[in-house]
């Protein structure tokens, strides 16, 4: 059983929903989205900006705001609501020195009147941030990218029923097991075409010597197999550059694997950014490990709840 409520001022509506409810989440750069259609009657009156809450079996699933309404001649109103992450599409200019990504999120949330929940300390202090006319999404994700490049620790930003949360994916593991018994269909691919590098080259323009200092980390065996796949970046300081090169090699020196699983029995604890255990024989390898949920689509109907998962990862544990 699910419950969808829309609040307009002091009035809370429990509208008649047609054709179910769809909840979509993505790991990076997109707000959570709730899509549904309601039957228009004389007693129903709601507007863009009104809060929407959605629960299943008493569990909090989604809290957000109406952004789009579309009507058809049959009297149905198609509604799209987004969670708080939608407001991270606002643009701004940010100048900060010596700040962590977690503190940056708190500062921007306060500036734009957004509520925070669990915000874990990202640990790594970014020497300087200089972002001009960028979306808040891009500013925060850039800081998180620099954090993962320097430390290997990946954090996920999401909205938990009206509160912005930032957590290390190591703390986002779920017990829901993906195997052939729970899915209707799977689509699997492996690649070295994107986000795979076996040579890292970082360059620093040394104004004191007038020369370019180069820091390289590489895997000769992988280069023999795949050819040279180089990641190049100009860095603003040579402090920690060698360690950063090593961290980037560890992060990117692997195949990327994508697994799409459709028609899985739904579980609202599974959302983009969670780690899901996978046990599948995929032809070239046996997946018996956790994979990261890149996209999750939940579909709720009167007597059914299913989800489609797009999972990503490096080399599986055979």
C-alpha atoms as a PDB file:
ATOM      1  CA  UNK A   1       0.000   0.000   0.000  1.00  0.00           C
ATOM      2  CA  UNK A   2       1.224   3.503  -0.775  1.00  0.00           C
ATOM      3  CA  UNK A   3       0.086   6.974   0.230  1.00  0.00           C
ATOM      4  CA  UNK A   4       0.571  10.143  -1.829  1.00  0.00           C
ATOM      5  CA  UNK A   5      -0.272  13.506  -0.278  1.00  0.00           C
ATOM      6  CA  UNK A   6      -0.266  17.025  -1.753  1.00  0.00           C
ATOM      7  CA  UNK A   7      -0.408  20.070   0.516  1.00  0.00           C
ATOM      8  CA  UNK A   8      -1.738  23.436  -0.610  1.00  0.00           C
ATOM      9  CA  UNK A   9      -1.567  25.942   2.223  1.00  0.00           C
ATOM     10  CA  UNK A  10      -3.392  24.447   5.189  1.00  0.00           C
ATOM     11  CA  UNK A  11      -5.179  21.805   3.095  1.00  0.00           C
ATOM     12  CA  UNK A  12      -3.776  18.309   2.565  1.00  0.00           C
ATOM     13  CA  UNK A  13      -5.151  16.253  -0.324  1.00  0.00           C
ATOM     14  CA  UNK A  14      -5.133  12.494  -0.831  1.00  0.00           C
ATOM     15  CA  UNK A  15      -5.819  12.473  -4.594  1.00  0.00           C
ATOM     16  CA  UNK A  16      -6.984   9.540  -6.682  1.00  0.00           C
ATOM     17  CA  UNK A  17      -3.890   8.322  -8.546  1.00  0.00           C
ATOM     18  CA  UNK A  18      -4.177   6.745 -12.003  1.00  0.00           C
ATOM     19  CA  UNK A  19      -1.618   4.332 -13.528  1.00  0.00           C
ATOM     20  CA  UNK A  20       0.660   4.207 -10.505  1.00  0.00           C
ATOM     21  CA  UNK A  21       3.610   6.266  -9.300  1.00  0.00           C
ATOM     22  CA  UNK A  22       7.198   6.340 -10.622  1.00  0.00           C
ATOM     23  CA  UNK A  23      10.177   7.409  -8.485  1.00  0.00           C
ATOM     24  CA  UNK A  24      13.497   8.000 -10.294  1.00  0.00           C
ATOM     25  CA  UNK A  25      16.907   8.709  -8.766  1.00  0.00           C
ATOM     26  CA  UNK A  26      20.352   9.199 -10.335  1.00  0.00           C
ATOM     27  CA  UNK A  27      23.686   9.211  -8.525  1.00  0.00           C
ATOM     28  CA  UNK A  28      25.143  12.428  -9.947  1.00  0.00           C
ATOM     29  CA  UNK A  29      23.762  15.746 -11.076  1.00  0.00           C
ATOM     30  CA  UNK A  30      20.006  15.080 -11.075  1.00  0.00           C
ATOM     31  CA  UNK A  31      17.285  15.527  -8.461  1.00  0.00           C
ATOM     32  CA  UNK A  32      14.990  12.726  -7.393  1.00  0.00           C
ATOM     33  CA  UNK A  33      11.766  12.794  -9.395  1.00  0.00           C
ATOM     34  CA  UNK A  34       8.250  11.595  -8.619  1.00  0.00           C
ATOM     35  CA  UNK A  35       5.859  11.221 -11.578  1.00  0.00           C
ATOM     36  CA  UNK A  36       2.152  10.473 -11.284  1.00  0.00           C
ATOM     37  CA  UNK A  37      -1.280  11.320 -12.680  1.00  0.00           C
ATOM     38  CA  UNK A  38      -4.242  12.380 -10.550  1.00  0.00           C
ATOM     39  CA  UNK A  39      -7.941  12.677 -11.328  1.00  0.00           C
ATOM     40  CA  UNK A  40      -9.169  16.265 -11.281  1.00  0.00           C
ATOM     41  CA  UNK A  41     -12.321  16.778  -9.253  1.00  0.00           C
ATOM     42  CA  UNK A  42     -14.047  19.808  -7.762  1.00  0.00           C
ATOM     43  CA  UNK A  43     -12.348  19.371  -4.403  1.00  0.00           C
ATOM     44  CA  UNK A  44      -8.775  19.092  -5.662  1.00  0.00           C
ATOM     45  CA  UNK A  45      -6.772  22.327  -5.850  1.00  0.00           C
ATOM     46  CA  UNK A  46      -2.977  22.408  -5.888  1.00  0.00           C
ATOM     47  CA  UNK A  47      -0.291  24.550  -7.484  1.00  0.00           C
ATOM     48  CA  UNK A  48       3.313  24.489  -8.604  1.00  0.00           C
ATOM     49  CA  UNK A  49       5.577  24.686  -5.561  1.00  0.00           C
ATOM     50  CA  UNK A  50       3.203  22.728  -3.306  1.00  0.00           C
ATOM     51  CA  UNK A  51       4.824  19.986  -1.181  1.00  0.00           C
ATOM     52  CA  UNK A  52       4.330  16.343  -2.157  1.00  0.00           C
ATOM     53  CA  UNK A  53       5.015  13.392   0.132  1.00  0.00           C
ATOM     54  CA  UNK A  54       5.002   9.710  -0.793  1.00  0.00           C
ATOM     55  CA  UNK A  55       5.137   6.717   1.540  1.00  0.00           C
ATOM     56  CA  UNK A  56       4.927   2.980   1.058  1.00  0.00           C
ATOM     57  CA  UNK A  57       3.700   0.789   3.905  1.00  0.00           C
ATOM     58  CA  UNK A  58       4.323   3.683   6.269  1.00  0.00           C
ATOM     59  CA  UNK A  59       7.957   4.147   5.136  1.00  0.00           C
ATOM     60  CA  UNK A  60       9.098   7.606   4.036  1.00  0.00           C
ATOM     61  CA  UNK A  61      10.078   7.455   0.352  1.00  0.00           C
ATOM     62  CA  UNK A  62       9.906  10.908  -1.256  1.00  0.00           C
ATOM     63  CA  UNK A  63       9.370  14.493  -0.180  1.00  0.00           C
ATOM     64  CA  UNK A  64       9.506  17.241  -2.769  1.00  0.00           C
ATOM     65  CA  UNK A  65       7.613  19.927  -4.625  1.00  0.00           C
ATOM     66  CA  UNK A  66       5.334  20.144  -7.654  1.00  0.00           C
ATOM     67  CA  UNK A  67       7.223  21.604 -10.611  1.00  0.00           C
ATOM     68  CA  UNK A  68       5.111  20.661 -13.634  1.00  0.00           C
ATOM     69  CA  UNK A  69       1.405  20.013 -14.269  1.00  0.00           C
ATOM     70  CA  UNK A  70       0.006  18.803 -17.590  1.00  0.00           C
ATOM     71  CA  UNK A  71      -3.677  18.254 -18.310  1.00  0.00           C
ATOM     72  CA  UNK A  72      -5.458  16.151 -20.891  1.00  0.00           C
ATOM     73  CA  UNK A  73      -9.040  16.326 -22.125  1.00  0.00           C
ATOM     74  CA  UNK A  74      -9.999  13.393 -19.947  1.00  0.00           C
ATOM     75  CA  UNK A  75      -9.428  15.365 -16.769  1.00  0.00           C
ATOM     76  CA  UNK A  76      -6.136  13.740 -15.756  1.00  0.00           C
ATOM     77  CA  UNK A  77      -3.361  15.938 -14.403  1.00  0.00           C
ATOM     78  CA  UNK A  78       0.151  14.589 -15.019  1.00  0.00           C
ATOM     79  CA  UNK A  79       2.432  15.812 -12.252  1.00  0.00           C
ATOM     80  CA  UNK A  80       6.209  15.959 -11.980  1.00  0.00           C
ATOM     81  CA  UNK A  81       7.644  16.675  -8.544  1.00  0.00           C
ATOM     82  CA  UNK A  82      11.334  17.011  -7.613  1.00  0.00           C
ATOM     83  CA  UNK A  83      13.119  16.738  -4.288  1.00  0.00           C
ATOM     84  CA  UNK A  84      15.388  19.444  -2.820  1.00  0.00           C
ATOM     85  CA  UNK A  85      18.240  18.593  -5.180  1.00  0.00           C
ATOM     86  CA  UNK A  86      16.300  20.435  -7.889  1.00  0.00           C
ATOM     87  CA  UNK A  87      17.349  23.722  -6.264  1.00  0.00           C
ATOM     88  CA  UNK A  88      21.004  22.834  -6.814  1.00  0.00           C
ATOM     89  CA  UNK A  89      20.431  23.817 -10.441  1.00  0.00           C
ATOM     90  CA  UNK A  90      20.666  27.431  -9.274  1.00  0.00           C
ATOM     91  CA  UNK A  91      23.873  29.133 -10.422  1.00  0.00           C
ATOM     92  CA  UNK A  92      26.330  31.117  -8.342  1.00  0.00           C
ATOM     93  CA  UNK A  93      29.964  32.153  -8.030  1.00  0.00           C
ATOM     94  CA  UNK A  94      32.008  30.648  -5.217  1.00  0.00           C
ATOM     95  CA  UNK A  95      35.452  31.596  -3.896  1.00  0.00           C
ATOM     96  CA  UNK A  96      36.734  29.558  -0.947  1.00  0.00           C
ATOM     97  CA  UNK A  97      40.162  28.670   0.441  1.00  0.00           C
ATOM     98  CA  UNK A  98      40.895  25.582   2.530  1.00  0.00           C
ATOM     99  CA  UNK A  99      37.441  24.019   2.643  1.00  0.00           C
ATOM    100  CA  UNK A 100      36.140  20.444   2.613  1.00  0.00           C
ATOM    101  CA  UNK A 101      33.371  19.326   0.251  1.00  0.00           C
ATOM    102  CA  UNK A 102      31.127  18.516   3.208  1.00  0.00           C
ATOM    103  CA  UNK A 103      31.521  22.039   4.626  1.00  0.00           C
ATOM    104  CA  UNK A 104      30.920  23.538   1.181  1.00  0.00           C
ATOM    105  CA  UNK A 105      27.609  21.664   0.954  1.00  0.00           C
ATOM    106  CA  UNK A 106      26.505  23.012   4.337  1.00  0.00           C
ATOM    107  CA  UNK A 107      27.408  26.583   3.352  1.00  0.00           C
ATOM    108  CA  UNK A 108      25.510  26.429   0.064  1.00  0.00           C
ATOM    109  CA  UNK A 109      22.516  24.757   1.715  1.00  0.00           C
ATOM    110  CA  UNK A 110      22.332  27.580   4.261  1.00  0.00           C
ATOM    111  CA  UNK A 111      22.584  30.241   1.528  1.00  0.00           C
ATOM    112  CA  UNK A 112      19.691  28.710  -0.435  1.00  0.00           C
ATOM    113  CA  UNK A 113      17.490  27.733   2.529  1.00  0.00           C
ATOM    114  CA  UNK A 114      17.864  23.993   2.040  1.00  0.00           C
ATOM    115  CA  UNK A 115      17.585  21.503   4.893  1.00  0.00           C
ATOM    116  CA  UNK A 116      20.485  19.148   5.680  1.00  0.00           C
ATOM    117  CA  UNK A 117      20.362  15.710   7.238  1.00  0.00           C
ATOM    118  CA  UNK A 118      23.353  13.383   7.612  1.00  0.00           C
ATOM    119  CA  UNK A 119      26.415  15.101   6.131  1.00  0.00           C
ATOM    120  CA  UNK A 120      29.506  12.964   6.705  1.00  0.00           C
ATOM    121  CA  UNK A 121      32.907  14.624   6.975  1.00  0.00           C
ATOM    122  CA  UNK A 122      34.652  14.205   3.609  1.00  0.00           C
ATOM    123  CA  UNK A 123      38.008  14.610   5.365  1.00  0.00           C
ATOM    124  CA  UNK A 124      40.005  16.134   2.507  1.00  0.00           C
ATOM    125  CA  UNK A 125      40.687  19.884   2.554  1.00  0.00           C
ATOM    126  CA  UNK A 126      40.600  21.447  -0.912  1.00  0.00           C
ATOM    127  CA  UNK A 127      43.278  24.112  -1.231  1.00  0.00           C
ATOM    128  CA  UNK A 128      41.099  26.560  -3.185  1.00  0.00           C
ATOM    129  CA  UNK A 129      37.738  26.654  -4.956  1.00  0.00           C
ATOM    130  CA  UNK A 130      37.107  29.210  -7.698  1.00  0.00           C
ATOM    131  CA  UNK A 131      33.854  28.635  -9.571  1.00  0.00           C
ATOM    132  CA  UNK A 132      32.232  31.321 -11.734  1.00  0.00           C
ATOM    133  CA  UNK A 133      28.615  31.205 -12.901  1.00  0.00           C
ATOM    134  CA  UNK A 134      28.270  27.487 -12.229  1.00  0.00           C
ATOM    135  CA  UNK A 135      25.332  25.475 -10.958  1.00  0.00           C
ATOM    136  CA  UNK A 136      25.464  24.461  -7.313  1.00  0.00           C
ATOM    137  CA  UNK A 137      25.397  20.875  -8.560  1.00  0.00           C
ATOM    138  CA  UNK A 138      28.567  21.421 -10.590  1.00  0.00           C
ATOM    139  CA  UNK A 139      30.303  23.261  -7.752  1.00  0.00           C
ATOM    140  CA  UNK A 140      29.589  20.511  -5.215  1.00  0.00           C
ATOM    141  CA  UNK A 141      30.297  17.641  -7.599  1.00  0.00           C
ATOM    142  CA  UNK A 142      33.598  19.238  -8.637  1.00  0.00           C
ATOM    143  CA  UNK A 143      34.622  19.330  -4.969  1.00  0.00           C
ATOM    144  CA  UNK A 144      33.559  15.699  -4.537  1.00  0.00           C
ATOM    145  CA  UNK A 145      35.474  14.700  -7.678  1.00  0.00           C
ATOM    146  CA  UNK A 146      38.626  16.322  -6.309  1.00  0.00           C
ATOM    147  CA  UNK A 147      38.059  14.498  -3.024  1.00  0.00           C
ATOM    148  CA  UNK A 148      37.766  11.079  -4.652  1.00  0.00           C
ATOM    149  CA  UNK A 149      40.788  11.742  -6.865  1.00  0.00           C
ATOM    150  CA  UNK A 150      42.905  12.648  -3.846  1.00  0.00           C
ATOM    151  CA  UNK A 151      41.647  10.021  -1.410  1.00  0.00           C
ATOM    152  CA  UNK A 152      39.857   7.293  -3.362  1.00  0.00           C
ATOM    153  CA  UNK A 153      36.802   7.847  -1.161  1.00  0.00           C
ATOM    154  CA  UNK A 154      33.550   8.256  -3.063  1.00  0.00           C
ATOM    155  CA  UNK A 155      30.665  10.206  -1.554  1.00  0.00           C
ATOM    156  CA  UNK A 156      27.074  10.368  -2.745  1.00  0.00           C
ATOM    157  CA  UNK A 157      24.740  13.354  -2.413  1.00  0.00           C
ATOM    158  CA  UNK A 158      21.024  12.637  -2.149  1.00  0.00           C
ATOM    159  CA  UNK A 159      17.774  13.849  -0.610  1.00  0.00           C
ATOM    160  CA  UNK A 160      16.318  11.781   2.217  1.00  0.00           C
ATOM    161  CA  UNK A 161      12.674  12.806   2.554  1.00  0.00           C
ATOM    162  CA  UNK A 162      13.368  16.533   2.593  1.00  0.00           C
ATOM    163  CA  UNK A 163      16.928  16.604   3.920  1.00  0.00           C
ATOM    164  CA  UNK A 164      20.166  16.776   1.933  1.00  0.00           C
ATOM    165  CA  UNK A 165      22.525  13.959   2.851  1.00  0.00           C
ATOM    166  CA  UNK A 166      26.147  13.312   1.935  1.00  0.00           C
ATOM    167  CA  UNK A 167      27.555   9.881   2.727  1.00  0.00           C
ATOM    168  CA  UNK A 168      30.515   7.701   1.918  1.00  0.00           C
ATOM    169  CA  UNK A 169      29.294   4.893  -0.338  1.00  0.00           C
ATOM    170  CA  UNK A 170      30.991   2.437   2.031  1.00  0.00           C
ATOM    171  CA  UNK A 171      28.148   3.288   4.432  1.00  0.00           C
ATOM    172  CA  UNK A 172      25.450   2.831   1.774  1.00  0.00           C
ATOM    173  CA  UNK A 173      25.452  -0.974   1.476  1.00  0.00           C
ATOM    174  CA  UNK A 174      22.123  -2.746   1.166  1.00  0.00           C
ATOM    175  CA  UNK A 175      21.304  -6.395   1.789  1.00  0.00           C
ATOM    176  CA  UNK A 176      19.050  -6.715  -1.271  1.00  0.00           C
ATOM    177  CA  UNK A 177      20.657  -9.417  -3.445  1.00  0.00           C
ATOM    178  CA  UNK A 178      20.497  -9.174  -7.234  1.00  0.00           C
ATOM    179  CA  UNK A 179      20.582 -12.589  -8.905  1.00  0.00           C
ATOM    180  CA  UNK A 180      18.759 -14.300 -11.743  1.00  0.00           C
ATOM    181  CA  UNK A 181      15.865 -15.261  -9.481  1.00  0.00           C
ATOM    182  CA  UNK A 182      14.796 -11.655  -8.815  1.00  0.00           C
ATOM    183  CA  UNK A 183      15.034 -10.099 -12.289  1.00  0.00           C
ATOM    184  CA  UNK A 184      13.026 -10.312 -15.502  1.00  0.00           C
ATOM    185  CA  UNK A 185      15.873  -9.220 -17.789  1.00  0.00           C
ATOM    186  CA  UNK A 186      19.520  -8.135 -17.640  1.00  0.00           C
ATOM    187  CA  UNK A 187      21.854  -6.196 -19.942  1.00  0.00           C
ATOM    188  CA  UNK A 188      25.595  -6.354 -19.250  1.00  0.00           C
ATOM    189  CA  UNK A 189      28.586  -4.581 -20.831  1.00  0.00           C
ATOM    190  CA  UNK A 190      32.294  -4.173 -20.057  1.00  0.00           C
ATOM    191  CA  UNK A 191      34.526  -1.451 -21.474  1.00  0.00           C
ATOM    192  CA  UNK A 192      37.878   0.340 -21.382  1.00  0.00           C
ATOM    193  CA  UNK A 193      36.493   3.144 -23.570  1.00  0.00           C
ATOM    194  CA  UNK A 194      35.528   5.539 -20.784  1.00  0.00           C
ATOM    195  CA  UNK A 195      36.918   6.251 -17.332  1.00  0.00           C
ATOM    196  CA  UNK A 196      39.726   3.688 -17.762  1.00  0.00           C
ATOM    197  CA  UNK A 197      43.337   4.901 -17.555  1.00  0.00           C
ATOM    198  CA  UNK A 198      46.562   2.978 -17.013  1.00  0.00           C
ATOM    199  CA  UNK A 199      48.863   6.002 -17.087  1.00  0.00           C
ATOM    200  CA  UNK A 200      48.360   9.100 -14.962  1.00  0.00           C
ATOM    201  CA  UNK A 201      50.331  12.246 -15.812  1.00  0.00           C
ATOM    202  CA  UNK A 202      50.043  15.348 -13.641  1.00  0.00           C
ATOM    203  CA  UNK A 203      51.934  18.534 -14.545  1.00  0.00           C
ATOM    204  CA  UNK A 204      52.808  21.531 -12.395  1.00  0.00           C
ATOM    205  CA  UNK A 205      54.145  24.780 -13.868  1.00  0.00           C
ATOM    206  CA  UNK A 206      56.926  25.641 -11.443  1.00  0.00           C
ATOM    207  CA  UNK A 207      57.306  29.431 -11.449  1.00  0.00           C
ATOM    208  CA  UNK A 208      60.431  29.232  -9.276  1.00  0.00           C
ATOM    209  CA  UNK A 209      62.395  27.106 -11.761  1.00  0.00           C
ATOM    210  CA  UNK A 210      60.544  28.069 -14.929  1.00  0.00           C
ATOM    211  CA  UNK A 211      60.105  24.378 -15.698  1.00  0.00           C
ATOM    212  CA  UNK A 212      57.216  21.952 -15.732  1.00  0.00           C
ATOM    213  CA  UNK A 213      57.332  19.327 -12.985  1.00  0.00           C
ATOM    214  CA  UNK A 214      55.717  16.043 -14.059  1.00  0.00           C
ATOM    215  CA  UNK A 215      54.338  13.326 -11.800  1.00  0.00           C
ATOM    216  CA  UNK A 216      53.581   9.939 -13.388  1.00  0.00           C
ATOM    217  CA  UNK A 217      51.975   6.749 -12.109  1.00  0.00           C
ATOM    218  CA  UNK A 218      51.473   3.873 -14.538  1.00  0.00           C
ATOM    219  CA  UNK A 219      50.845   0.145 -14.887  1.00  0.00           C
ATOM    220  CA  UNK A 220      53.099  -1.380 -17.539  1.00  0.00           C
ATOM    221  CA  UNK A 221      51.245  -4.706 -17.640  1.00  0.00           C
ATOM    222  CA  UNK A 222      47.910  -2.995 -18.274  1.00  0.00           C
ATOM    223  CA  UNK A 223      49.546  -0.837 -20.953  1.00  0.00           C
ATOM    224  CA  UNK A 224      50.732  -4.019 -22.703  1.00  0.00           C
ATOM    225  CA  UNK A 225      47.176  -5.357 -22.712  1.00  0.00           C
ATOM    226  CA  UNK A 226      45.205  -2.204 -23.581  1.00  0.00           C
ATOM    227  CA  UNK A 227      47.750   0.199 -25.022  1.00  0.00           C
ATOM    228  CA  UNK A 228      48.472   3.513 -23.323  1.00  0.00           C
ATOM    229  CA  UNK A 229      45.338   5.107 -21.893  1.00  0.00           C
ATOM    230  CA  UNK A 230      46.540   8.365 -20.375  1.00  0.00           C
ATOM    231  CA  UNK A 231      44.860  10.708 -17.940  1.00  0.00           C
ATOM    232  CA  UNK A 232      46.443  14.191 -18.016  1.00  0.00           C
ATOM    233  CA  UNK A 233      45.809  17.103 -15.690  1.00  0.00           C
ATOM    234  CA  UNK A 234      47.514  20.387 -14.843  1.00  0.00           C
ATOM    235  CA  UNK A 235      47.647  20.816 -11.069  1.00  0.00           C
ATOM    236  CA  UNK A 236      47.859  24.065  -9.112  1.00  0.00           C
ATOM    237  CA  UNK A 237      50.342  22.772  -6.537  1.00  0.00           C
ATOM    238  CA  UNK A 238      52.971  20.088  -6.428  1.00  0.00           C
ATOM    239  CA  UNK A 239      52.152  19.292  -2.812  1.00  0.00           C
ATOM    240  CA  UNK A 240      50.644  15.813  -2.767  1.00  0.00           C
ATOM    241  CA  UNK A 241      50.799  15.503  -6.561  1.00  0.00           C
ATOM    242  CA  UNK A 242      52.647  12.159  -6.502  1.00  0.00           C
ATOM    243  CA  UNK A 243      50.123  10.738  -4.029  1.00  0.00           C
ATOM    244  CA  UNK A 244      47.271  12.037  -6.177  1.00  0.00           C
ATOM    245  CA  UNK A 245      48.725  10.315  -9.256  1.00  0.00           C
ATOM    246  CA  UNK A 246      48.893   7.026  -7.360  1.00  0.00           C
ATOM    247  CA  UNK A 247      45.316   7.447  -6.123  1.00  0.00           C
ATOM    248  CA  UNK A 248      44.052   8.190  -9.643  1.00  0.00           C
ATOM    249  CA  UNK A 249      45.789   5.116 -11.041  1.00  0.00           C
ATOM    250  CA  UNK A 250      44.205   2.950  -8.369  1.00  0.00           C
ATOM    251  CA  UNK A 251      40.812   4.494  -9.130  1.00  0.00           C
ATOM    252  CA  UNK A 252      40.873   4.288 -12.949  1.00  0.00           C
ATOM    253  CA  UNK A 253      43.175   1.379 -13.864  1.00  0.00           C
ATOM    254  CA  UNK A 254      40.369  -1.112 -14.419  1.00  0.00           C
ATOM    255  CA  UNK A 255      37.592  -2.029 -16.775  1.00  0.00           C
ATOM    256  CA  UNK A 256      34.249  -0.377 -16.215  1.00  0.00           C
ATOM    257  CA  UNK A 257      31.290  -2.707 -16.107  1.00  0.00           C
ATOM    258  CA  UNK A 258      27.627  -1.746 -16.426  1.00  0.00           C
ATOM    259  CA  UNK A 259      24.763  -4.020 -15.503  1.00  0.00           C
ATOM    260  CA  UNK A 260      21.116  -3.117 -16.079  1.00  0.00           C
ATOM    261  CA  UNK A 261      18.583  -5.283 -14.271  1.00  0.00           C
ATOM    262  CA  UNK A 262      14.890  -4.841 -15.022  1.00  0.00           C
ATOM    263  CA  UNK A 263      11.724  -5.920 -13.294  1.00  0.00           C
ATOM    264  CA  UNK A 264      13.308  -6.543  -9.896  1.00  0.00           C
ATOM    265  CA  UNK A 265      11.039  -6.901  -6.883  1.00  0.00           C
ATOM    266  CA  UNK A 266      10.970  -3.418  -5.367  1.00  0.00           C
ATOM    267  CA  UNK A 267      12.733  -2.321  -2.187  1.00  0.00           C
ATOM    268  CA  UNK A 268      12.539   1.395  -1.262  1.00  0.00           C
ATOM    269  CA  UNK A 269      15.873   1.233   0.581  1.00  0.00           C
ATOM    270  CA  UNK A 270      17.562   0.828  -2.816  1.00  0.00           C
ATOM    271  CA  UNK A 271      18.188   4.156  -4.514  1.00  0.00           C
ATOM    272  CA  UNK A 272      20.916   5.699  -6.662  1.00  0.00           C
ATOM    273  CA  UNK A 273      24.137   5.809  -4.660  1.00  0.00           C
ATOM    274  CA  UNK A 274      23.567   2.596  -2.721  1.00  0.00           C
ATOM    275  CA  UNK A 275      25.814  -0.453  -2.977  1.00  0.00           C
ATOM    276  CA  UNK A 276      23.917  -3.572  -3.982  1.00  0.00           C
ATOM    277  CA  UNK A 277      25.259  -7.150  -3.712  1.00  0.00           C
ATOM    278  CA  UNK A 278      25.248  -8.919  -7.087  1.00  0.00           C
ATOM    279  CA  UNK A 279      25.629 -12.643  -7.716  1.00  0.00           C
ATOM    280  CA  UNK A 280      25.403 -13.376 -11.441  1.00  0.00           C
ATOM    281  CA  UNK A 281      27.261 -15.369 -14.084  1.00  0.00           C
ATOM    282  CA  UNK A 282      27.757 -12.857 -16.886  1.00  0.00           C
ATOM    283  CA  UNK A 283      29.606 -14.920 -19.461  1.00  0.00           C
ATOM    284  CA  UNK A 284      33.141 -13.555 -19.219  1.00  0.00           C
ATOM    285  CA  UNK A 285      33.159 -13.304 -15.440  1.00  0.00           C
ATOM    286  CA  UNK A 286      31.226 -14.267 -12.338  1.00  0.00           C
ATOM    287  CA  UNK A 287      29.967 -11.224 -10.448  1.00  0.00           C
ATOM    288  CA  UNK A 288      29.983 -11.893  -6.733  1.00  0.00           C
ATOM    289  CA  UNK A 289      30.447  -8.456  -5.234  1.00  0.00           C
ATOM    290  CA  UNK A 290      28.824  -5.115  -4.461  1.00  0.00           C
ATOM    291  CA  UNK A 291      27.999  -2.783  -7.351  1.00  0.00           C
ATOM    292  CA  UNK A 292      27.065   0.878  -7.220  1.00  0.00           C
ATOM    293  CA  UNK A 293      23.535   1.877  -8.222  1.00  0.00           C
ATOM    294  CA  UNK A 294      23.933   4.602 -10.845  1.00  0.00           C
ATOM    295  CA  UNK A 295      20.224   4.892 -11.662  1.00  0.00           C
ATOM    296  CA  UNK A 296      17.156   3.401  -9.986  1.00  0.00           C
ATOM    297  CA  UNK A 297      13.589   3.554 -11.230  1.00  0.00           C
ATOM    298  CA  UNK A 298      10.806   2.413  -8.899  1.00  0.00           C
ATOM    299  CA  UNK A 299       7.306   1.792 -10.259  1.00  0.00           C
ATOM    300  CA  UNK A 300       4.465   1.499  -7.748  1.00  0.00           C
ATOM    301  CA  UNK A 301       1.070   0.152  -8.738  1.00  0.00           C
ATOM    302  CA  UNK A 302      -1.899  -0.939  -6.680  1.00  0.00           C
ATOM    303  CA  UNK A 303      -0.644  -4.473  -6.084  1.00  0.00           C
ATOM    304  CA  UNK A 304       2.919  -4.366  -7.385  1.00  0.00           C
ATOM    305  CA  UNK A 305       6.241  -2.633  -6.801  1.00  0.00           C
ATOM    306  CA  UNK A 306       9.147  -3.269  -9.176  1.00  0.00           C
ATOM    307  CA  UNK A 307      12.391  -1.460  -9.945  1.00  0.00           C
ATOM    308  CA  UNK A 308      14.923  -1.174 -12.749  1.00  0.00           C
ATOM    309  CA  UNK A 309      18.573  -0.835 -11.690  1.00  0.00           C
ATOM    310  CA  UNK A 310      21.582   0.470 -13.590  1.00  0.00           C
ATOM    311  CA  UNK A 311      24.658  -0.746 -11.693  1.00  0.00           C
ATOM    312  CA  UNK A 312      28.304   0.142 -12.285  1.00  0.00           C
ATOM    313  CA  UNK A 313      31.608  -1.107 -10.946  1.00  0.00           C
ATOM    314  CA  UNK A 314      35.219  -1.913 -11.609  1.00  0.00           C
ATOM    315  CA  UNK A 315      36.486  -5.447 -12.002  1.00  0.00           C
ATOM    316  CA  UNK A 316      34.303  -7.931 -10.212  1.00  0.00           C
ATOM    317  CA  UNK A 317      35.633 -10.389  -7.701  1.00  0.00           C
ATOM    318  CA  UNK A 318      35.612 -13.692  -9.580  1.00  0.00           C
END
